[in-house]
Amino acid sequence: MRSMQRGLAALTLTVCGLFMVGGVLQAATSAAAPAKKAVTKAPAKKSGRATAKRTSGKPDVKSASLLVINEDDSSILLSKNADVAAPIASITKLMTALVVLDEKQSLDEELTVTKEDRSLDRGAASRLAVGTTLSRGDLMHLALMSSENRAAHALGRNYPGGLDTFIAAMNAKARALGMTQSHFSDPTGLSNENVASPADLSKLVMAASRNSTIRSYSTDTEHEVTIGKHRVEFRNTNNLVRNKDWDIVISKTGYTEAAGRCLVMKTVVNDHPVVIVLLNSFGKYTRVADAARIRRWIETGHFQQQPAVRAAMTESSQIKVAQGAGPAASGS
């Protein structure tokens, strides 16, 4: 009996020993096994084609004041200081042409440039010497396309009733168009008293664009006239009219020291007529660069239309006019 008990005890000790040895071996094996690496997916290969970054923000336009309108529904696409009147320089010449054409004066009648037509020049460049005789049509062509100040002044001076009557007709036309913040005091734009807001100028651009003569003259790239015994070529002051990527319906540039560099035009973007008014652009090429930025912005569809611009303001509203120090020599 005692022998059997001793045998069972020995067997129990043996089994326990085996379990202990197995546990030690398993622990050692686990410790020795290398840790599994985390599986990560390889990054997708980039295509060789660059993807343009799209943004819904407004274009970085440098002009001091502006207005961009979709003429189809009069919706405002972009606006800055649109109701503030400021000197408009040679943008004036669109109104000059409108008033002359409204009077139905003959474009074939010959007019002569006189000393009176250079009275506002004050150093402004002109290729029309006193004594130059051209047709009214040629003078209008040069005024709209090349911003010729003496040509514009001769148009106003030869209006029925003279220059004073012509200026009165300019202001009457402005009122008829609903240009409530505008005032004109000469046909060239050299006077800083010629003022308008971008909202007013958008109305002038749309009205002028309905006249085929203004459309043709303002967007022509160059025009030759005979001065004395020589043929002289004039070129458009808006380089965009020579760019085949642009479909420009009407165009006018302007510059004086007080007004800065200005540009108004109607162009077609995404099959829509778009009116662009840019006033007081800093730098010689800023107005053109601003127009290009605006067009790209419209083409990519990154804009929200706003309600149509209000044509009228309360009678008590004061016209804010940017101050300048006298007429400056230029007009383009």
Protein backbone atom coordinates (compact mmCIF):
# COMPACT_ATOMS: atom_id res chain seq x y z
CA MET A 1 0.00 0.00 0.00
CA ARG A 2 2.73 2.38 0.95
CA SER A 3 4.56 1.41 -2.21
CA MET A 4 1.54 2.35 -4.32
CA GLN A 5 1.20 5.75 -2.60
CA ARG A 6 4.86 6.50 -3.22
CA GLY A 7 4.38 5.67 -6.95
CA LEU A 8 1.37 8.00 -7.33
CA ALA A 9 3.27 10.86 -5.67
CA ALA A 10 6.19 10.39 -8.01
CA LEU A 11 3.88 10.36 -11.03
CA THR A 12 2.19 13.58 -9.90
CA LEU A 13 5.54 15.33 -9.48
CA THR A 14 6.59 14.23 -12.96
CA VAL A 15 3.41 15.57 -14.64
CA CYS A 16 3.69 18.93 -12.84
CA GLY A 17 7.29 19.21 -13.91
CA LEU A 18 6.36 18.58 -17.50
CA PHE A 19 3.71 21.37 -17.42
CA MET A 20 6.20 23.80 -15.90
CA VAL A 21 8.83 22.98 -18.53
CA GLY A 22 6.27 23.48 -21.31
CA GLY A 23 5.27 26.90 -19.98
CA VAL A 24 8.86 28.03 -19.81
CA LEU A 25 9.54 26.85 -23.36
CA GLN A 26 6.43 28.65 -24.70
CA ALA A 27 7.40 31.90 -22.99
CA ALA A 28 10.90 31.67 -24.35
CA THR A 29 9.64 31.00 -27.85
CA SER A 30 7.31 34.00 -27.73
CA ALA A 31 10.05 36.29 -26.50
CA ALA A 32 12.42 35.13 -29.20
CA ALA A 33 9.89 35.60 -32.08
CA PRO A 34 10.32 38.90 -34.01
CA ALA A 35 7.55 41.51 -33.63
CA LYS A 36 5.13 41.77 -36.58
CA LYS A 37 5.52 44.96 -38.63
CA ALA A 38 2.49 47.21 -39.19
CA VAL A 39 1.26 46.89 -42.74
CA THR A 40 1.09 50.27 -44.52
CA LYS A 41 -0.18 50.90 -48.01
CA ALA A 42 2.19 52.51 -50.45
CA PRO A 43 1.14 56.07 -51.36
CA ALA A 44 -0.71 56.36 -54.64
CA LYS A 45 1.45 57.50 -57.48
CA LYS A 46 0.87 61.07 -58.54
CA SER A 47 -0.11 61.63 -62.12
CA GLY A 48 2.25 63.67 -64.22
CA ARG A 49 -0.50 66.22 -64.93
CA ALA A 50 -0.69 69.20 -62.58
CA THR A 51 -4.07 69.93 -61.03
CA ALA A 52 -5.09 73.59 -60.87
CA LYS A 53 -6.02 74.86 -57.45
CA ARG A 54 -9.61 76.07 -57.49
CA THR A 55 -10.85 78.72 -55.15
CA SER A 56 -14.14 80.45 -54.61
CA GLY A 57 -12.52 83.72 -53.48
CA LYS A 58 -12.69 87.00 -55.34
CA PRO A 59 -9.94 87.91 -57.82
CA ASP A 60 -7.11 90.08 -56.51
CA VAL A 61 -8.09 93.25 -58.38
CA LYS A 62 -5.87 96.30 -57.86
CA SER A 63 -8.11 99.04 -59.27
CA ALA A 64 -9.41 101.47 -56.63
CA SER A 65 -13.01 101.13 -57.76
CA LEU A 66 -14.77 98.78 -60.14
CA LEU A 67 -18.00 97.21 -61.25
CA VAL A 68 -18.57 94.04 -63.27
CA ILE A 69 -22.07 93.33 -64.56
CA ASN A 70 -23.67 90.51 -66.52
CA GLU A 71 -25.69 92.56 -69.00
CA ASP A 72 -28.08 89.66 -69.66
CA ASP A 73 -29.81 90.09 -66.30
CA SER A 74 -28.07 93.20 -64.88
CA SER A 75 -26.66 91.11 -62.04
CA ILE A 76 -23.53 92.37 -60.30
CA LEU A 77 -20.63 89.94 -60.45
CA LEU A 78 -18.05 92.10 -58.69
CA SER A 79 -18.16 95.52 -57.07
CA LYS A 80 -15.88 97.90 -55.16
CA ASN A 81 -16.69 101.55 -54.48
CA ALA A 82 -19.22 101.33 -57.30
CA ASP A 83 -21.28 104.30 -56.09
CA VAL A 84 -18.37 106.68 -55.53
CA ALA A 85 -17.88 109.34 -58.21
CA ALA A 86 -14.32 110.12 -59.31
CA PRO A 87 -12.53 111.74 -62.27
CA ILE A 88 -12.93 109.57 -65.35
CA ALA A 89 -10.38 111.06 -67.76
CA SER A 90 -10.91 110.01 -71.40
CA ILE A 91 -13.77 107.65 -70.61
CA THR A 92 -15.55 110.99 -71.20
CA LYS A 93 -15.11 110.49 -74.94
CA LEU A 94 -17.82 107.81 -75.01
CA MET A 95 -20.30 110.47 -73.94
CA THR A 96 -18.81 112.92 -76.46
CA ALA A 97 -19.42 110.43 -79.28
CA LEU A 98 -22.94 109.62 -78.10
CA VAL A 99 -23.99 113.28 -78.04
CA VAL A 100 -22.57 113.96 -81.50
CA LEU A 101 -24.27 110.90 -82.97
CA ASP A 102 -27.58 111.72 -81.26
CA GLU A 103 -27.53 115.06 -83.09
CA LYS A 104 -27.06 113.14 -86.37
CA GLN A 105 -24.31 115.47 -87.56
CA SER A 106 -22.67 114.40 -90.81
CA LEU A 107 -19.60 112.22 -90.29
CA ASP A 108 -18.33 113.32 -93.71
CA GLU A 109 -18.22 117.03 -92.93
CA GLU A 110 -14.66 118.32 -92.68
CA LEU A 111 -13.58 120.11 -89.50
CA THR A 112 -10.36 121.98 -88.79
CA VAL A 113 -8.34 121.77 -85.56
CA THR A 114 -7.81 125.26 -84.11
CA LYS A 115 -5.86 126.84 -81.27
CA GLU A 116 -8.98 126.59 -79.15
CA ASP A 117 -8.78 122.79 -79.39
CA ARG A 118 -5.40 122.74 -77.70
CA SER A 119 -6.39 125.06 -74.86
CA LEU A 120 -6.82 122.18 -72.39
CA ASP A 121 -3.79 120.21 -73.57
CA ARG A 122 -1.29 121.62 -71.10
CA GLY A 123 1.44 119.40 -72.48
CA ALA A 124 -0.73 116.44 -73.47
CA ALA A 125 0.63 114.65 -76.50
CA SER A 126 -1.28 115.17 -79.74
CA ARG A 127 -0.43 114.38 -83.33
CA LEU A 128 -3.08 116.73 -84.67
CA ALA A 129 -1.38 120.03 -85.34
CA VAL A 130 -3.38 123.22 -85.44
CA GLY A 131 -4.70 123.60 -88.98
CA THR A 132 -5.25 119.85 -89.50
CA THR A 133 -8.47 119.21 -91.40
CA LEU A 134 -10.25 115.85 -91.07
CA SER A 135 -13.78 114.58 -91.40
CA ARG A 136 -16.00 114.47 -88.33
CA GLY A 137 -15.94 110.68 -88.67
CA ASP A 138 -12.14 110.56 -88.62
CA LEU A 139 -12.00 112.86 -85.60
CA MET A 140 -14.47 110.65 -83.74
CA HIS A 141 -12.51 107.56 -84.77
CA LEU A 142 -9.29 109.00 -83.35
CA ALA A 143 -11.00 110.25 -80.20
CA LEU A 144 -12.46 106.84 -79.38
CA MET A 145 -9.62 104.63 -80.57
CA SER A 146 -6.50 106.69 -79.78
CA SER A 147 -7.98 109.04 -77.20
CA GLU A 148 -7.04 112.13 -79.25
CA ASN A 149 -7.95 115.13 -77.10
CA ARG A 150 -7.90 117.74 -79.87
CA ALA A 151 -10.17 115.55 -81.96
CA ALA A 152 -12.69 115.28 -79.12
CA HIS A 153 -12.56 119.00 -78.42
CA ALA A 154 -13.11 119.82 -82.10
CA LEU A 155 -16.20 117.58 -82.08
CA GLY A 156 -17.67 119.49 -79.15
CA ARG A 157 -16.72 122.91 -80.52
CA ASN A 158 -18.47 122.18 -83.81
CA TYR A 159 -21.73 121.13 -82.17
CA PRO A 160 -24.76 123.32 -83.01
CA GLY A 161 -24.70 126.17 -80.51
CA GLY A 162 -21.02 125.71 -79.69
CA LEU A 163 -19.07 124.17 -76.83
CA ASP A 164 -21.28 125.38 -73.99
CA THR A 165 -24.35 123.90 -75.64
CA PHE A 166 -22.46 120.67 -76.23
CA ILE A 167 -21.48 120.36 -72.55
CA ALA A 168 -25.10 120.99 -71.55
CA ALA A 169 -26.14 118.22 -73.93
CA MET A 170 -23.59 115.86 -72.33
CA ASN A 171 -25.07 116.42 -68.88
CA ALA A 172 -28.61 116.10 -70.23
CA LYS A 173 -27.68 112.76 -71.81
CA ALA A 174 -26.19 111.61 -68.50
CA ARG A 175 -29.47 112.40 -66.73
CA ALA A 176 -31.44 110.58 -69.43
CA LEU A 177 -29.31 107.48 -68.89
CA GLY A 178 -29.85 107.61 -65.12
CA MET A 179 -26.24 108.61 -64.40
CA THR A 180 -27.13 110.35 -61.15
CA GLN A 181 -23.56 110.80 -59.88
CA SER A 182 -22.02 112.18 -63.06
CA HIS A 183 -20.97 115.62 -64.23
CA PHE A 184 -19.25 116.75 -67.43
CA SER A 185 -17.46 120.04 -68.05
CA ASP A 186 -15.47 119.34 -71.24
CA PRO A 187 -15.55 116.84 -74.15
CA THR A 188 -12.03 115.44 -73.65
CA GLY A 189 -11.82 114.30 -70.03
CA LEU A 190 -8.75 116.39 -69.25
CA SER A 191 -10.81 118.36 -66.74
CA ASN A 192 -11.01 116.79 -63.28
CA GLU A 193 -14.57 118.10 -63.09
CA ASN A 194 -15.61 115.26 -65.40
CA VAL A 195 -16.68 112.71 -62.80
CA ALA A 196 -18.81 109.57 -62.60
CA SER A 197 -19.17 106.45 -60.50
CA PRO A 198 -18.54 102.93 -61.85
CA ALA A 199 -22.29 102.33 -61.58
CA ASP A 200 -22.94 105.34 -63.83
CA LEU A 201 -20.24 104.34 -66.30
CA SER A 202 -21.73 100.88 -66.67
CA LYS A 203 -24.88 102.59 -67.98
CA LEU A 204 -22.82 104.72 -70.36
CA VAL A 205 -20.99 101.65 -71.68
CA MET A 206 -24.23 99.75 -72.28
CA ALA A 207 -25.82 102.72 -74.05
CA ALA A 208 -22.76 103.37 -76.21
CA SER A 209 -22.48 99.69 -77.13
CA ARG A 210 -25.85 99.90 -78.86
CA ASN A 211 -24.34 102.26 -81.44
CA SER A 212 -22.55 100.46 -84.27
CA THR A 213 -20.28 103.43 -85.04
CA ILE A 214 -18.97 103.59 -81.48
CA ARG A 215 -18.53 99.83 -81.38
CA SER A 216 -16.50 99.90 -84.58
CA TYR A 217 -14.34 102.94 -83.82
CA SER A 218 -13.56 102.05 -80.21
CA THR A 219 -12.41 98.50 -80.98
CA ASP A 220 -10.51 99.19 -84.20
CA THR A 221 -6.83 98.27 -83.83
CA GLU A 222 -5.44 101.08 -86.01
CA HIS A 223 -6.58 103.85 -88.34
CA GLU A 224 -4.73 105.97 -90.93
CA VAL A 225 -5.52 109.57 -91.78
CA THR A 226 -3.90 112.13 -94.05
CA ILE A 227 -2.33 115.04 -92.19
CA GLY A 228 -0.86 117.56 -94.58
CA LYS A 229 0.99 115.50 -97.17
CA HIS A 230 1.57 112.49 -94.95
CA ARG A 231 -0.37 109.37 -94.03
CA VAL A 232 -0.29 108.98 -90.26
CA GLU A 233 -1.23 105.78 -88.44
CA PHE A 234 -2.94 105.85 -85.06
CA ARG A 235 -3.30 102.81 -82.80
CA ASN A 236 -5.77 101.72 -80.14
CA THR A 237 -4.82 102.60 -76.57
CA ASN A 238 -6.31 99.31 -75.33
CA ASN A 239 -3.94 96.48 -76.27
CA LEU A 240 -6.61 93.89 -75.51
CA VAL A 241 -8.41 94.68 -78.80
CA ARG A 242 -5.43 93.10 -80.60
CA ASN A 243 -5.66 89.93 -78.53
CA LYS A 244 -7.63 87.25 -80.38
CA ASP A 245 -8.52 85.59 -77.07
CA TRP A 246 -10.78 88.53 -76.26
CA ASP A 247 -14.18 89.25 -77.82
CA ILE A 248 -14.51 92.97 -77.08
CA VAL A 249 -17.70 94.75 -78.11
CA ILE A 250 -16.76 98.28 -76.98
CA SER A 251 -13.72 99.74 -75.26
CA LYS A 252 -12.33 102.99 -73.86
CA THR A 253 -9.25 103.79 -71.82
CA GLY A 254 -8.44 106.92 -69.86
CA TYR A 255 -5.64 108.50 -67.88
CA THR A 256 -4.93 111.67 -65.97
CA GLU A 257 -2.93 112.10 -62.80
CA ALA A 258 -6.13 112.60 -60.80
CA ALA A 259 -8.10 109.77 -62.40
CA GLY A 260 -5.31 107.21 -62.59
CA ARG A 261 -5.49 104.61 -65.33
CA CYS A 262 -9.02 103.67 -66.25
CA LEU A 263 -10.63 101.10 -68.51
CA VAL A 264 -14.22 100.41 -69.45
CA MET A 265 -15.42 97.80 -71.90
CA LYS A 266 -18.07 95.29 -72.77
CA THR A 267 -16.77 91.86 -73.64
CA VAL A 268 -18.22 88.39 -74.11
CA VAL A 269 -17.31 85.79 -71.47
CA ASN A 270 -18.84 82.31 -71.43
CA ASP A 271 -21.32 83.49 -74.07
CA HIS A 272 -22.55 86.33 -71.81
CA PRO A 273 -22.08 90.10 -72.39
CA VAL A 274 -20.08 91.39 -69.43
CA VAL A 275 -19.53 95.07 -68.66
CA ILE A 276 -16.25 95.85 -66.88
CA VAL A 277 -15.51 99.24 -65.31
CA LEU A 278 -12.07 99.79 -63.74
CA LEU A 279 -11.12 103.20 -62.29
CA ASN A 280 -7.87 104.48 -60.82
CA SER A 281 -5.71 101.45 -61.53
CA PHE A 282 -2.23 101.78 -60.10
CA GLY A 283 0.55 101.18 -62.60
CA LYS A 284 0.64 101.25 -66.37
CA TYR A 285 -0.48 97.65 -66.93
CA THR A 286 -2.70 97.09 -63.88
CA ARG A 287 -5.99 97.83 -65.63
CA VAL A 288 -5.28 95.21 -68.31
CA ALA A 289 -4.10 92.69 -65.73
CA ASP A 290 -7.22 93.33 -63.65
CA ALA A 291 -9.43 92.74 -66.69
CA ALA A 292 -7.65 89.44 -67.36
CA ARG A 293 -8.03 88.34 -63.73
CA ILE A 294 -11.74 89.16 -63.80
CA ARG A 295 -12.28 87.23 -67.02
CA ARG A 296 -10.49 84.12 -65.69
CA TRP A 297 -12.54 84.33 -62.50
CA ILE A 298 -15.80 84.45 -64.47
CA GLU A 299 -14.71 81.63 -66.79
CA THR A 300 -14.08 79.30 -63.84
CA GLY A 301 -17.51 80.07 -62.43
CA HIS A 302 -16.26 81.29 -59.05
CA PHE A 303 -18.67 84.10 -58.36
CA GLN A 304 -22.04 84.71 -56.78
CA GLN A 305 -24.43 86.99 -58.58
CA GLN A 306 -25.79 89.91 -56.58
CA PRO A 307 -28.97 91.91 -57.14
CA ALA A 308 -28.94 94.42 -59.99
CA VAL A 309 -27.23 97.70 -59.20
CA ARG A 310 -29.57 100.48 -58.09
CA ALA A 311 -29.60 103.25 -60.67
CA ALA A 312 -30.85 106.03 -58.44
CA MET A 313 -29.79 107.42 -55.07
CA THR A 314 -31.67 109.72 -52.74
CA GLU A 315 -31.44 113.37 -53.63
CA SER A 316 -29.79 114.09 -50.30
CA SER A 317 -26.88 111.75 -51.07
CA GLN A 318 -23.68 113.65 -51.60
CA ILE A 319 -21.45 112.76 -54.51
CA LYS A 320 -18.08 111.68 -53.23
CA VAL A 321 -15.45 112.95 -55.59
CA ALA A 322 -11.82 111.92 -55.51
CA GLN A 323 -9.75 115.07 -55.30
CA GLY A 324 -7.09 115.93 -57.86
CA ALA A 325 -4.74 118.80 -58.54
CA GLY A 326 -5.81 120.21 -61.87
CA PRO A 327 -5.96 118.65 -65.33
CA ALA A 328 -3.13 116.33 -66.18
CA ALA A 329 -1.47 115.87 -69.51
CA SER A 330 -2.75 112.73 -71.12
CA GLY A 331 -5.99 111.06 -72.04
CA SER A 332 -5.31 107.41 -72.74
